[in-house]
C-alpha atoms as a PDB file:
ATOM      1  CA  UNK A   1      -6.215  15.058   4.608  1.00  0.00           C
ATOM      2  CA  UNK A   2      -6.102  15.317   0.833  1.00  0.00           C
ATOM      3  CA  UNK A   3      -7.888  11.978   0.435  1.00  0.00           C
ATOM      4  CA  UNK A   4     -10.526  13.077   2.941  1.00  0.00           C
ATOM      5  CA  UNK A   5     -11.056  16.204   0.848  1.00  0.00           C
ATOM      6  CA  UNK A   6     -11.704  14.143  -2.275  1.00  0.00           C
ATOM      7  CA  UNK A   7      -8.263  14.292  -3.855  1.00  0.00           C
ATOM      8  CA  UNK A   8      -7.783  10.615  -4.654  1.00  0.00           C
ATOM      9  CA  UNK A   9      -4.585   9.915  -6.548  1.00  0.00           C
ATOM     10  CA  UNK A  10      -2.484   6.795  -6.881  1.00  0.00           C
ATOM     11  CA  UNK A  11       0.454   8.600  -5.282  1.00  0.00           C
ATOM     12  CA  UNK A  12      -1.520   9.467  -2.139  1.00  0.00           C
ATOM     13  CA  UNK A  13      -2.951   5.974  -1.725  1.00  0.00           C
ATOM     14  CA  UNK A  14       0.458   4.400  -2.351  1.00  0.00           C
ATOM     15  CA  UNK A  15       2.107   6.639   0.247  1.00  0.00           C
ATOM     16  CA  UNK A  16      -0.585   5.849   2.793  1.00  0.00           C
ATOM     17  CA  UNK A  17      -0.280   2.123   2.039  1.00  0.00           C
ATOM     18  CA  UNK A  18       3.483   2.286   2.527  1.00  0.00           C
ATOM     19  CA  UNK A  19       3.029   4.054   5.855  1.00  0.00           C
ATOM     20  CA  UNK A  20       0.559   1.428   7.034  1.00  0.00           C
ATOM     21  CA  UNK A  21       2.917  -1.328   5.905  1.00  0.00           C
ATOM     22  CA  UNK A  22       5.830   0.147   7.854  1.00  0.00           C
ATOM     23  CA  UNK A  23       3.637   0.380  10.949  1.00  0.00           C
ATOM     24  CA  UNK A  24       2.453  -3.213  10.583  1.00  0.00           C
ATOM     25  CA  UNK A  25      -1.169  -2.393   9.691  1.00  0.00           C
ATOM     26  CA  UNK A  26      -1.347  -4.914   6.879  1.00  0.00           C
ATOM     27  CA  UNK A  27      -5.099  -4.844   6.248  1.00  0.00           C
ATOM     28  CA  UNK A  28      -5.090  -1.064   5.829  1.00  0.00           C
ATOM     29  CA  UNK A  29      -1.941  -1.199   3.691  1.00  0.00           C
ATOM     30  CA  UNK A  30      -3.539  -3.701   1.320  1.00  0.00           C
ATOM     31  CA  UNK A  31      -6.692  -1.592   0.987  1.00  0.00           C
ATOM     32  CA  UNK A  32      -4.726   1.527   0.065  1.00  0.00           C
ATOM     33  CA  UNK A  33      -2.366  -0.267  -2.323  1.00  0.00           C
ATOM     34  CA  UNK A  34      -5.426  -1.733  -4.073  1.00  0.00           C
ATOM     35  CA  UNK A  35      -6.963   1.736  -4.376  1.00  0.00           C
ATOM     36  CA  UNK A  36      -3.697   3.059  -5.820  1.00  0.00           C
ATOM     37  CA  UNK A  37      -3.559   0.292  -8.430  1.00  0.00           C
ATOM     38  CA  UNK A  38      -7.089   1.171  -9.560  1.00  0.00           C
ATOM     39  CA  UNK A  39      -6.312   4.887 -10.021  1.00  0.00           C
ATOM     40  CA  UNK A  40      -5.468   6.204 -13.467  1.00  0.00           C
ATOM     41  CA  UNK A  41      -2.820   7.234 -14.105  1.00  0.00           C
ATOM     42  CA  UNK A  42      -0.825   5.048 -11.778  1.00  0.00           C
ATOM     43  CA  UNK A  43       2.947   5.451 -11.828  1.00  0.00           C
ATOM     44  CA  UNK A  44       3.505   4.095  -8.330  1.00  0.00           C
ATOM     45  CA  UNK A  45       4.982   1.016  -6.727  1.00  0.00           C
ATOM     46  CA  UNK A  46       1.602  -0.052  -5.314  1.00  0.00           C
ATOM     47  CA  UNK A  47       1.641  -3.344  -7.236  1.00  0.00           C
ATOM     48  CA  UNK A  48       4.999  -4.129  -5.628  1.00  0.00           C
ATOM     49  CA  UNK A  49       3.485  -3.295  -2.255  1.00  0.00           C
ATOM     50  CA  UNK A  50       0.722  -5.822  -2.876  1.00  0.00           C
ATOM     51  CA  UNK A  51       3.294  -8.448  -3.868  1.00  0.00           C
ATOM     52  CA  UNK A  52       5.197  -7.703  -0.666  1.00  0.00           C
ATOM     53  CA  UNK A  53       2.043  -8.212   1.382  1.00  0.00           C
ATOM     54  CA  UNK A  54       1.298 -11.471  -0.438  1.00  0.00           C
ATOM     55  CA  UNK A  55       4.820 -12.716   0.296  1.00  0.00           C
ATOM     56  CA  UNK A  56       4.539 -11.668   3.938  1.00  0.00           C
ATOM     57  CA  UNK A  57       1.303 -13.616   4.315  1.00  0.00           C
ATOM     58  CA  UNK A  58       2.823 -16.620   2.579  1.00  0.00           C
ATOM     59  CA  UNK A  59       6.000 -16.687   4.665  1.00  0.00           C
ATOM     60  CA  UNK A  60       4.681 -15.220   7.907  1.00  0.00           C
ATOM     61  CA  UNK A  61       7.304 -12.467   8.001  1.00  0.00           C
ATOM     62  CA  UNK A  62       6.863  -9.009   9.514  1.00  0.00           C
ATOM     63  CA  UNK A  63       7.394  -5.772   7.526  1.00  0.00           C
ATOM     64  CA  UNK A  64      10.737  -5.080   9.189  1.00  0.00           C
ATOM     65  CA  UNK A  65      12.083  -8.482   8.121  1.00  0.00           C
ATOM     66  CA  UNK A  66      11.792  -7.751   4.411  1.00  0.00           C
ATOM     67  CA  UNK A  67      15.090  -6.654   2.826  1.00  0.00           C
END
């Protein structure tokens, strides 16, 4: 709701990306992690989320298979 109201912060996008990732919505997760990375300041793990998605695509693993 905060994002819909115009409050766009790295933390919010990162949290939404993580939720999408856990639910297996990889396209949406990537979009939100990318938005988080572009926000300033960004003190989130969004870049790690993008690396996780890249690795998942490379290896064909599902979110629940990642340690």
